[in-house]
Amino acid sequence: MSLFSKLFGGGAPKGPVAEEYNDFRIFAEPMKDGKRYRIAARIEKDVDGELKSHQLIRADTLEGFEAAVAASQAKAKQVIDEQGDRLFD
């Protein structure tokens, strides 16, 4: 990252990147790990009027924030497809 990017707020965006998928909400929240980003996401769903949440964190790391967001979203979708509502048990 250049000096100008650091001074004027360039780089990774602040806050989670949200997406709807099969009645679930995915918040891609890659975690900074040194110079890399760890795959991480919060998965939420309203179940019988109650907000359920699951934190997904993987050992995989990627160099770029955007790549980590995409990988976090893809992994969250895979977990939703495999486990569905059992994710909150």
PDB file of N, CA and C in Angstrom:
ATOM      1  N   MET A   1       0.858  -1.172   0.000  1.00  0.00           N
ATOM      2  CA  MET A   1       0.000   0.000   0.000  1.00  0.00           C
ATOM      3  C   MET A   1       0.898   1.228   0.000  1.00  0.00           C
ATOM      4  N   SER A   2       0.580   2.190  -0.813  1.00  0.00           N
ATOM      5  CA  SER A   2       1.396   3.385  -0.919  1.00  0.00           C
ATOM      6  C   SER A   2       1.162   4.316   0.267  1.00  0.00           C
ATOM      7  N   LEU A   3       2.087   5.238   0.422  1.00  0.00           N
ATOM      8  CA  LEU A   3       1.973   6.232   1.490  1.00  0.00           C
ATOM      9  C   LEU A   3       0.690   7.039   1.345  1.00  0.00           C
ATOM     10  N   PHE A   4       0.332   7.426   0.103  1.00  0.00           N
ATOM     11  CA  PHE A   4      -0.889   8.197  -0.110  1.00  0.00           C
ATOM     12  C   PHE A   4      -2.138   7.400   0.260  1.00  0.00           C
ATOM     13  N   SER A   5      -2.149   6.108  -0.022  1.00  0.00           N
ATOM     14  CA  SER A   5      -3.291   5.277   0.344  1.00  0.00           C
ATOM     15  C   SER A   5      -3.454   5.224   1.852  1.00  0.00           C
ATOM     16  N   LYS A   6      -2.347   5.101   2.556  1.00  0.00           N
ATOM     17  CA  LYS A   6      -2.409   5.061   4.021  1.00  0.00           C
ATOM     18  C   LYS A   6      -2.904   6.385   4.585  1.00  0.00           C
ATOM     19  N   LEU A   7      -2.430   7.485   4.004  1.00  0.00           N
ATOM     20  CA  LEU A   7      -2.813   8.804   4.504  1.00  0.00           C
ATOM     21  C   LEU A   7      -4.266   9.157   4.214  1.00  0.00           C
ATOM     22  N   PHE A   8      -4.765   8.730   3.071  1.00  0.00           N
ATOM     23  CA  PHE A   8      -6.102   9.143   2.640  1.00  0.00           C
ATOM     24  C   PHE A   8      -7.132   8.033   2.697  1.00  0.00           C
ATOM     25  N   GLY A   9      -6.879   7.000   3.499  1.00  0.00           N
ATOM     26  CA  GLY A   9      -7.892   5.994   3.762  1.00  0.00           C
ATOM     27  C   GLY A   9      -8.029   4.918   2.725  1.00  0.00           C
ATOM     28  N   GLY A  10      -7.039   4.694   1.891  1.00  0.00           N
ATOM     29  CA  GLY A  10      -7.116   3.605   0.917  1.00  0.00           C
ATOM     30  C   GLY A  10      -6.961   2.265   1.594  1.00  0.00           C
ATOM     31  N   GLY A  11      -7.085   1.207   0.847  1.00  0.00           N
ATOM     32  CA  GLY A  11      -6.919  -0.131   1.401  1.00  0.00           C
ATOM     33  C   GLY A  11      -8.238  -0.815   1.627  1.00  0.00           C
ATOM     34  N   ALA A  12      -8.250  -1.735   2.571  1.00  0.00           N
ATOM     35  CA  ALA A  12      -9.428  -2.551   2.842  1.00  0.00           C
ATOM     36  C   ALA A  12     -10.570  -1.697   3.376  1.00  0.00           C
ATOM     37  N   PRO A  13     -11.790  -1.951   2.898  1.00  0.00           N
ATOM     38  CA  PRO A  13     -12.941  -1.216   3.402  1.00  0.00           C
ATOM     39  C   PRO A  13     -13.219  -1.565   4.858  1.00  0.00           C
ATOM     40  N   LYS A  14     -13.829  -0.662   5.566  1.00  0.00           N
ATOM     41  CA  LYS A  14     -14.191  -0.886   6.967  1.00  0.00           C
ATOM     42  C   LYS A  14     -15.564  -1.541   7.026  1.00  0.00           C
ATOM     43  N   GLY A  15     -15.741  -2.429   7.988  1.00  0.00           N
ATOM     44  CA  GLY A  15     -17.030  -3.056   8.197  1.00  0.00           C
ATOM     45  C   GLY A  15     -17.239  -4.285   7.328  1.00  0.00           C
ATOM     46  N   PRO A  16     -18.226  -5.092   7.673  1.00  0.00           N
ATOM     47  CA  PRO A  16     -18.499  -6.325   6.938  1.00  0.00           C
ATOM     48  C   PRO A  16     -19.149  -6.082   5.581  1.00  0.00           C
ATOM     49  N   VAL A  17     -18.976  -7.038   4.696  1.00  0.00           N
ATOM     50  CA  VAL A  17     -19.620  -7.026   3.389  1.00  0.00           C
ATOM     51  C   VAL A  17     -20.804  -7.982   3.480  1.00  0.00           C
ATOM     52  N   ALA A  18     -22.041  -7.476   3.324  1.00  0.00           N
ATOM     53  CA  ALA A  18     -23.252  -8.270   3.546  1.00  0.00           C
ATOM     54  C   ALA A  18     -23.833  -8.800   2.240  1.00  0.00           C
ATOM     55  N   GLU A  19     -24.485  -9.969   2.348  1.00  0.00           N
ATOM     56  CA  GLU A  19     -25.128 -10.604   1.196  1.00  0.00           C
ATOM     57  C   GLU A  19     -26.250 -11.522   1.702  1.00  0.00           C
ATOM     58  N   GLU A  20     -27.365 -11.575   0.964  1.00  0.00           N
ATOM     59  CA  GLU A  20     -28.471 -12.495   1.268  1.00  0.00           C
ATOM     60  C   GLU A  20     -28.273 -13.773   0.467  1.00  0.00           C
ATOM     61  N   TYR A  21     -28.538 -14.930   1.101  1.00  0.00           N
ATOM     62  CA  TYR A  21     -28.407 -16.210   0.412  1.00  0.00           C
ATOM     63  C   TYR A  21     -29.341 -17.226   1.059  1.00  0.00           C
ATOM     64  N   ASN A  22     -30.340 -17.717   0.318  1.00  0.00           N
ATOM     65  CA  ASN A  22     -31.275 -18.745   0.796  1.00  0.00           C
ATOM     66  C   ASN A  22     -31.854 -18.434   2.174  1.00  0.00           C
ATOM     67  N   ASP A  23     -32.359 -17.225   2.366  1.00  0.00           N
ATOM     68  CA  ASP A  23     -32.951 -16.764   3.629  1.00  0.00           C
ATOM     69  C   ASP A  23     -31.930 -16.562   4.746  1.00  0.00           C
ATOM     70  N   PHE A  24     -30.649 -16.680   4.463  1.00  0.00           N
ATOM     71  CA  PHE A  24     -29.593 -16.408   5.421  1.00  0.00           C
ATOM     72  C   PHE A  24     -28.948 -15.076   5.046  1.00  0.00           C
ATOM     73  N   ARG A  25     -28.349 -14.422   6.012  1.00  0.00           N
ATOM     74  CA  ARG A  25     -27.547 -13.230   5.757  1.00  0.00           C
ATOM     75  C   ARG A  25     -26.095 -13.588   6.027  1.00  0.00           C
ATOM     76  N   ILE A  26     -25.250 -13.300   5.060  1.00  0.00           N
ATOM     77  CA  ILE A  26     -23.821 -13.572   5.189  1.00  0.00           C
ATOM     78  C   ILE A  26     -23.106 -12.230   5.304  1.00  0.00           C
ATOM     79  N   PHE A  27     -22.306 -12.096   6.342  1.00  0.00           N
ATOM     80  CA  PHE A  27     -21.481 -10.916   6.535  1.00  0.00           C
ATOM     81  C   PHE A  27     -20.028 -11.365   6.426  1.00  0.00           C
ATOM     82  N   ALA A  28     -19.424 -11.155   5.263  1.00  0.00           N
ATOM     83  CA  ALA A  28     -18.025 -11.510   5.074  1.00  0.00           C
ATOM     84  C   ALA A  28     -17.182 -10.544   5.899  1.00  0.00           C
ATOM     85  N   GLU A  29     -16.409 -11.093   6.824  1.00  0.00           N
ATOM     86  CA  GLU A  29     -15.598 -10.280   7.733  1.00  0.00           C
ATOM     87  C   GLU A  29     -14.188 -10.849   7.831  1.00  0.00           C
ATOM     88  N   PRO A  30     -13.427 -10.825   6.717  1.00  0.00           N
ATOM     89  CA  PRO A  30     -12.072 -11.363   6.770  1.00  0.00           C
ATOM     90  C   PRO A  30     -11.275 -10.705   7.890  1.00  0.00           C
ATOM     91  N   MET A  31     -10.463 -11.517   8.548  1.00  0.00           N
ATOM     92  CA  MET A  31      -9.679 -11.044   9.683  1.00  0.00           C
ATOM     93  C   MET A  31      -8.235 -10.806   9.252  1.00  0.00           C
ATOM     94  N   LYS A  32      -7.712  -9.649   9.582  1.00  0.00           N
ATOM     95  CA  LYS A  32      -6.326  -9.325   9.277  1.00  0.00           C
ATOM     96  C   LYS A  32      -5.425 -10.283  10.060  1.00  0.00           C
ATOM     97  N   ASP A  33      -4.483 -10.893   9.370  1.00  0.00           N
ATOM     98  CA  ASP A  33      -3.545 -11.831   9.989  1.00  0.00           C
ATOM     99  C   ASP A  33      -2.158 -11.534   9.419  1.00  0.00           C
ATOM    100  N   GLY A  34      -1.451 -10.628  10.052  1.00  0.00           N
ATOM    101  CA  GLY A  34      -0.188 -10.160   9.499  1.00  0.00           C
ATOM    102  C   GLY A  34      -0.459  -9.351   8.245  1.00  0.00           C
ATOM    103  N   LYS A  35       0.160  -9.758   7.145  1.00  0.00           N
ATOM    104  CA  LYS A  35      -0.062  -9.086   5.861  1.00  0.00           C
ATOM    105  C   LYS A  35      -1.144  -9.771   5.041  1.00  0.00           C
ATOM    106  N   ARG A  36      -1.788 -10.786   5.607  1.00  0.00           N
ATOM    107  CA  ARG A  36      -2.798 -11.564   4.893  1.00  0.00           C
ATOM    108  C   ARG A  36      -4.148 -11.410   5.593  1.00  0.00           C
ATOM    109  N   TYR A  37      -5.177 -12.033   5.015  1.00  0.00           N
ATOM    110  CA  TYR A  37      -6.523 -11.998   5.592  1.00  0.00           C
ATOM    111  C   TYR A  37      -7.037 -13.422   5.756  1.00  0.00           C
ATOM    112  N   ARG A  38      -7.537 -13.724   6.943  1.00  0.00           N
ATOM    113  CA  ARG A  38      -8.110 -15.038   7.245  1.00  0.00           C
ATOM    114  C   ARG A  38      -9.570 -15.065   6.806  1.00  0.00           C
ATOM    115  N   ILE A  39      -9.988 -16.177   6.224  1.00  0.00           N
ATOM    116  CA  ILE A  39     -11.377 -16.354   5.807  1.00  0.00           C
ATOM    117  C   ILE A  39     -12.262 -16.377   7.047  1.00  0.00           C
ATOM    118  N   ALA A  40     -13.248 -15.471   7.079  1.00  0.00           N
ATOM    119  CA  ALA A  40     -14.170 -15.405   8.217  1.00  0.00           C
ATOM    120  C   ALA A  40     -15.475 -14.753   7.762  1.00  0.00           C
ATOM    121  N   ALA A  41     -16.572 -15.217   8.357  1.00  0.00           N
ATOM    122  CA  ALA A  41     -17.889 -14.655   8.039  1.00  0.00           C
ATOM    123  C   ALA A  41     -18.838 -14.914   9.205  1.00  0.00           C
ATOM    124  N   ARG A  42     -19.831 -14.054   9.327  1.00  0.00           N
ATOM    125  CA  ARG A  42     -20.918 -14.247  10.280  1.00  0.00           C
ATOM    126  C   ARG A  42     -22.141 -14.632   9.463  1.00  0.00           C
ATOM    127  N   ILE A  43     -22.809 -15.695   9.856  1.00  0.00           N
ATOM    128  CA  ILE A  43     -24.011 -16.161   9.162  1.00  0.00           C
ATOM    129  C   ILE A  43     -25.181 -15.969  10.119  1.00  0.00           C
ATOM    130  N   GLU A  44     -26.228 -15.301   9.644  1.00  0.00           N
ATOM    131  CA  GLU A  44     -27.398 -15.026  10.474  1.00  0.00           C
ATOM    132  C   GLU A  44     -28.677 -15.442   9.769  1.00  0.00           C
ATOM    133  N   LYS A  45     -29.684 -15.737  10.590  1.00  0.00           N
ATOM    134  CA  LYS A  45     -31.016 -16.045  10.070  1.00  0.00           C
ATOM    135  C   LYS A  45     -32.026 -15.830  11.190  1.00  0.00           C
ATOM    136  N   ASP A  46     -33.203 -15.311  10.830  1.00  0.00           N
ATOM    137  CA  ASP A  46     -34.294 -15.209  11.785  1.00  0.00           C
ATOM    138  C   ASP A  46     -35.022 -16.544  11.811  1.00  0.00           C
ATOM    139  N   VAL A  47     -35.067 -17.169  12.992  1.00  0.00           N
ATOM    140  CA  VAL A  47     -35.718 -18.459  13.164  1.00  0.00           C
ATOM    141  C   VAL A  47     -36.767 -18.303  14.264  1.00  0.00           C
ATOM    142  N   ASP A  48     -38.034 -18.447  13.890  1.00  0.00           N
ATOM    143  CA  ASP A  48     -39.153 -18.298  14.828  1.00  0.00           C
ATOM    144  C   ASP A  48     -39.070 -16.992  15.610  1.00  0.00           C
ATOM    145  N   GLY A  49     -38.745 -15.904  14.916  1.00  0.00           N
ATOM    146  CA  GLY A  49     -38.698 -14.590  15.535  1.00  0.00           C
ATOM    147  C   GLY A  49     -37.434 -14.305  16.323  1.00  0.00           C
ATOM    148  N   GLU A  50     -36.503 -15.235  16.341  1.00  0.00           N
ATOM    149  CA  GLU A  50     -35.243 -15.054  17.070  1.00  0.00           C
ATOM    150  C   GLU A  50     -34.072 -15.006  16.084  1.00  0.00           C
ATOM    151  N   LEU A  51     -33.193 -14.042  16.273  1.00  0.00           N
ATOM    152  CA  LEU A  51     -32.020 -13.926  15.418  1.00  0.00           C
ATOM    153  C   LEU A  51     -30.970 -14.951  15.845  1.00  0.00           C
ATOM    154  N   LYS A  52     -30.640 -15.850  14.939  1.00  0.00           N
ATOM    155  CA  LYS A  52     -29.603 -16.859  15.184  1.00  0.00           C
ATOM    156  C   LYS A  52     -28.349 -16.431  14.440  1.00  0.00           C
ATOM    157  N   SER A  53     -27.187 -16.691  15.043  1.00  0.00           N
ATOM    158  CA  SER A  53     -25.933 -16.271  14.445  1.00  0.00           C
ATOM    159  C   SER A  53     -24.876 -17.353  14.614  1.00  0.00           C
ATOM    160  N   HIS A  54     -24.035 -17.507  13.593  1.00  0.00           N
ATOM    161  CA  HIS A  54     -22.921 -18.460  13.627  1.00  0.00           C
ATOM    162  C   HIS A  54     -21.675 -17.762  13.100  1.00  0.00           C
ATOM    163  N   GLN A  55     -20.575 -17.876  13.836  1.00  0.00           N
ATOM    164  CA  GLN A  55     -19.305 -17.277  13.408  1.00  0.00           C
ATOM    165  C   GLN A  55     -18.474 -18.351  12.708  1.00  0.00           C
ATOM    166  N   LEU A  56     -18.088 -18.063  11.480  1.00  0.00           N
ATOM    167  CA  LEU A  56     -17.298 -18.976  10.660  1.00  0.00           C
ATOM    168  C   LEU A  56     -15.885 -18.411  10.554  1.00  0.00           C
ATOM    169  N   ILE A  57     -14.882 -19.186  10.997  1.00  0.00           N
ATOM    170  CA  ILE A  57     -13.486 -18.777  10.882  1.00  0.00           C
ATOM    171  C   ILE A  57     -12.706 -19.972  10.368  1.00  0.00           C
ATOM    172  N   ARG A  58     -11.909 -19.758   9.345  1.00  0.00           N
ATOM    173  CA  ARG A  58     -11.105 -20.820   8.745  1.00  0.00           C
ATOM    174  C   ARG A  58      -9.628 -20.487   8.864  1.00  0.00           C
ATOM    175  N   ALA A  59      -8.805 -21.501   8.753  1.00  0.00           N
ATOM    176  CA  ALA A  59      -7.353 -21.322   8.835  1.00  0.00           C
ATOM    177  C   ALA A  59      -6.783 -20.717   7.555  1.00  0.00           C
ATOM    178  N   ASP A  60      -7.523 -20.835   6.454  1.00  0.00           N
ATOM    179  CA  ASP A  60      -7.032 -20.344   5.161  1.00  0.00           C
ATOM    180  C   ASP A  60      -6.813 -18.837   5.200  1.00  0.00           C
ATOM    181  N   THR A  61      -5.707 -18.401   4.602  1.00  0.00           N
ATOM    182  CA  THR A  61      -5.451 -16.967   4.478  1.00  0.00           C
ATOM    183  C   THR A  61      -5.168 -16.624   3.017  1.00  0.00           C
ATOM    184  N   LEU A  62      -5.490 -15.376   2.673  1.00  0.00           N
ATOM    185  CA  LEU A  62      -5.281 -14.875   1.312  1.00  0.00           C
ATOM    186  C   LEU A  62      -4.601 -13.511   1.400  1.00  0.00           C
ATOM    187  N   GLU A  63      -3.934 -13.132   0.329  1.00  0.00           N
ATOM    188  CA  GLU A  63      -3.201 -11.864   0.331  1.00  0.00           C
ATOM    189  C   GLU A  63      -4.103 -10.644   0.270  1.00  0.00           C
ATOM    190  N   GLY A  64      -5.089 -10.631  -0.588  1.00  0.00           N
ATOM    191  CA  GLY A  64      -5.914  -9.445  -0.779  1.00  0.00           C
ATOM    192  C   GLY A  64      -7.225  -9.500  -0.030  1.00  0.00           C
ATOM    193  N   PHE A  65      -7.693  -8.318   0.400  1.00  0.00           N
ATOM    194  CA  PHE A  65      -8.966  -8.235   1.115  1.00  0.00           C
ATOM    195  C   PHE A  65     -10.124  -8.694   0.237  1.00  0.00           C
ATOM    196  N   GLU A  66     -10.169  -8.241  -1.007  1.00  0.00           N
ATOM    197  CA  GLU A  66     -11.275  -8.600  -1.897  1.00  0.00           C
ATOM    198  C   GLU A  66     -11.326 -10.104  -2.135  1.00  0.00           C
ATOM    199  N   ALA A  67     -10.165 -10.726  -2.295  1.00  0.00           N
ATOM    200  CA  ALA A  67     -10.112 -12.185  -2.474  1.00  0.00           C
ATOM    201  C   ALA A  67     -10.597 -12.891  -1.216  1.00  0.00           C
ATOM    202  N   ALA A  68     -10.256 -12.350  -0.057  1.00  0.00           N
ATOM    203  CA  ALA A  68     -10.697 -12.945   1.203  1.00  0.00           C
ATOM    204  C   ALA A  68     -12.204 -12.798   1.397  1.00  0.00           C
ATOM    205  N   VAL A  69     -12.764 -11.665   0.948  1.00  0.00           N
ATOM    206  CA  VAL A  69     -14.221 -11.473   1.016  1.00  0.00           C
ATOM    207  C   VAL A  69     -14.913 -12.511   0.136  1.00  0.00           C
ATOM    208  N   ALA A  70     -14.444 -12.663  -1.089  1.00  0.00           N
ATOM    209  CA  ALA A  70     -15.047 -13.626  -2.016  1.00  0.00           C
ATOM    210  C   ALA A  70     -14.944 -15.046  -1.468  1.00  0.00           C
ATOM    211  N   ALA A  71     -13.791 -15.402  -0.920  1.00  0.00           N
ATOM    212  CA  ALA A  71     -13.609 -16.745  -0.370  1.00  0.00           C
ATOM    213  C   ALA A  71     -14.467 -16.945   0.883  1.00  0.00           C
ATOM    214  N   SER A  72     -14.612 -15.908   1.697  1.00  0.00           N
ATOM    215  CA  SER A  72     -15.455 -15.987   2.893  1.00  0.00           C
ATOM    216  C   SER A  72     -16.919 -16.196   2.512  1.00  0.00           C
ATOM    217  N   GLN A  73     -17.381 -15.476   1.493  1.00  0.00           N
ATOM    218  CA  GLN A  73     -18.761 -15.638   1.020  1.00  0.00           C
ATOM    219  C   GLN A  73     -18.973 -17.039   0.452  1.00  0.00           C
ATOM    220  N   ALA A  74     -18.026 -17.517  -0.331  1.00  0.00           N
ATOM    221  CA  ALA A  74     -18.147 -18.847  -0.935  1.00  0.00           C
ATOM    222  C   ALA A  74     -18.162 -19.931   0.135  1.00  0.00           C
ATOM    223  N   LYS A  75     -17.310 -19.812   1.148  1.00  0.00           N
ATOM    224  CA  LYS A  75     -17.263 -20.812   2.219  1.00  0.00           C
ATOM    225  C   LYS A  75     -18.553 -20.775   3.039  1.00  0.00           C
ATOM    226  N   ALA A  76     -19.073 -19.588   3.299  1.00  0.00           N
ATOM    227  CA  ALA A  76     -20.327 -19.474   4.045  1.00  0.00           C
ATOM    228  C   ALA A  76     -21.475 -20.123   3.268  1.00  0.00           C
ATOM    229  N   LYS A  77     -21.526 -19.898   1.961  1.00  0.00           N
ATOM    230  CA  LYS A  77     -22.568 -20.528   1.138  1.00  0.00           C
ATOM    231  C   LYS A  77     -22.444 -22.047   1.163  1.00  0.00           C
ATOM    232  N   GLN A  78     -21.219 -22.546   1.112  1.00  0.00           N
ATOM    233  CA  GLN A  78     -21.003 -23.991   1.166  1.00  0.00           C
ATOM    234  C   GLN A  78     -21.508 -24.562   2.490  1.00  0.00           C
ATOM    235  N   VAL A  79     -21.208 -23.895   3.589  1.00  0.00           N
ATOM    236  CA  VAL A  79     -21.658 -24.352   4.906  1.00  0.00           C
ATOM    237  C   VAL A  79     -23.180 -24.311   4.992  1.00  0.00           C
ATOM    238  N   ILE A  80     -23.796 -23.259   4.465  1.00  0.00           N
ATOM    239  CA  ILE A  80     -25.263 -23.156   4.459  1.00  0.00           C
ATOM    240  C   ILE A  80     -25.860 -24.292   3.650  1.00  0.00           C
ATOM    241  N   ASP A  81     -25.306 -24.562   2.469  1.00  0.00           N
ATOM    242  CA  ASP A  81     -25.818 -25.643   1.623  1.00  0.00           C
ATOM    243  C   ASP A  81     -25.679 -27.006   2.299  1.00  0.00           C
ATOM    244  N   GLU A  82     -24.593 -27.205   3.029  1.00  0.00           N
ATOM    245  CA  GLU A  82     -24.350 -28.494   3.684  1.00  0.00           C
ATOM    246  C   GLU A  82     -25.162 -28.669   4.968  1.00  0.00           C
ATOM    247  N   GLN A  83     -25.312 -27.591   5.757  1.00  0.00           N
ATOM    248  CA  GLN A  83     -25.899 -27.735   7.089  1.00  0.00           C
ATOM    249  C   GLN A  83     -27.269 -27.091   7.261  1.00  0.00           C
ATOM    250  N   GLY A  84     -27.561 -26.077   6.475  1.00  0.00           N
ATOM    251  CA  GLY A  84     -28.850 -25.406   6.609  1.00  0.00           C
ATOM    252  C   GLY A  84     -29.083 -24.895   8.021  1.00  0.00           C
ATOM    253  N   ASP A  85     -30.294 -25.059   8.540  1.00  0.00           N
ATOM    254  CA  ASP A  85     -30.636 -24.575   9.884  1.00  0.00           C
ATOM    255  C   ASP A  85     -29.907 -25.324  10.990  1.00  0.00           C
ATOM    256  N   ARG A  86     -29.364 -26.510  10.703  1.00  0.00           N
ATOM    257  CA  ARG A  86     -28.600 -27.242  11.726  1.00  0.00           C
ATOM    258  C   ARG A  86     -27.354 -26.464  12.158  1.00  0.00           C
ATOM    259  N   LEU A  87     -26.982 -25.488  11.365  1.00  0.00           N
ATOM    260  CA  LEU A  87     -25.839 -24.641  11.670  1.00  0.00           C
ATOM    261  C   LEU A  87     -25.981 -23.993  13.053  1.00  0.00           C
ATOM    262  N   PHE A  88     -27.208 -23.780  13.488  1.00  0.00           N
ATOM    263  CA  PHE A  88     -27.462 -23.081  14.746  1.00  0.00           C
ATOM    264  C   PHE A  88     -27.741 -24.024  15.916  1.00  0.00           C
ATOM    265  N   ASP A  89     -27.634 -25.310  15.710  1.00  0.00           N
ATOM    266  CA  ASP A  89     -27.871 -26.278  16.809  1.00  0.00           C
ATOM    267  C   ASP A  89     -26.725 -26.302  17.787  1.00  0.00           C
TER     268      ASP A  89
END
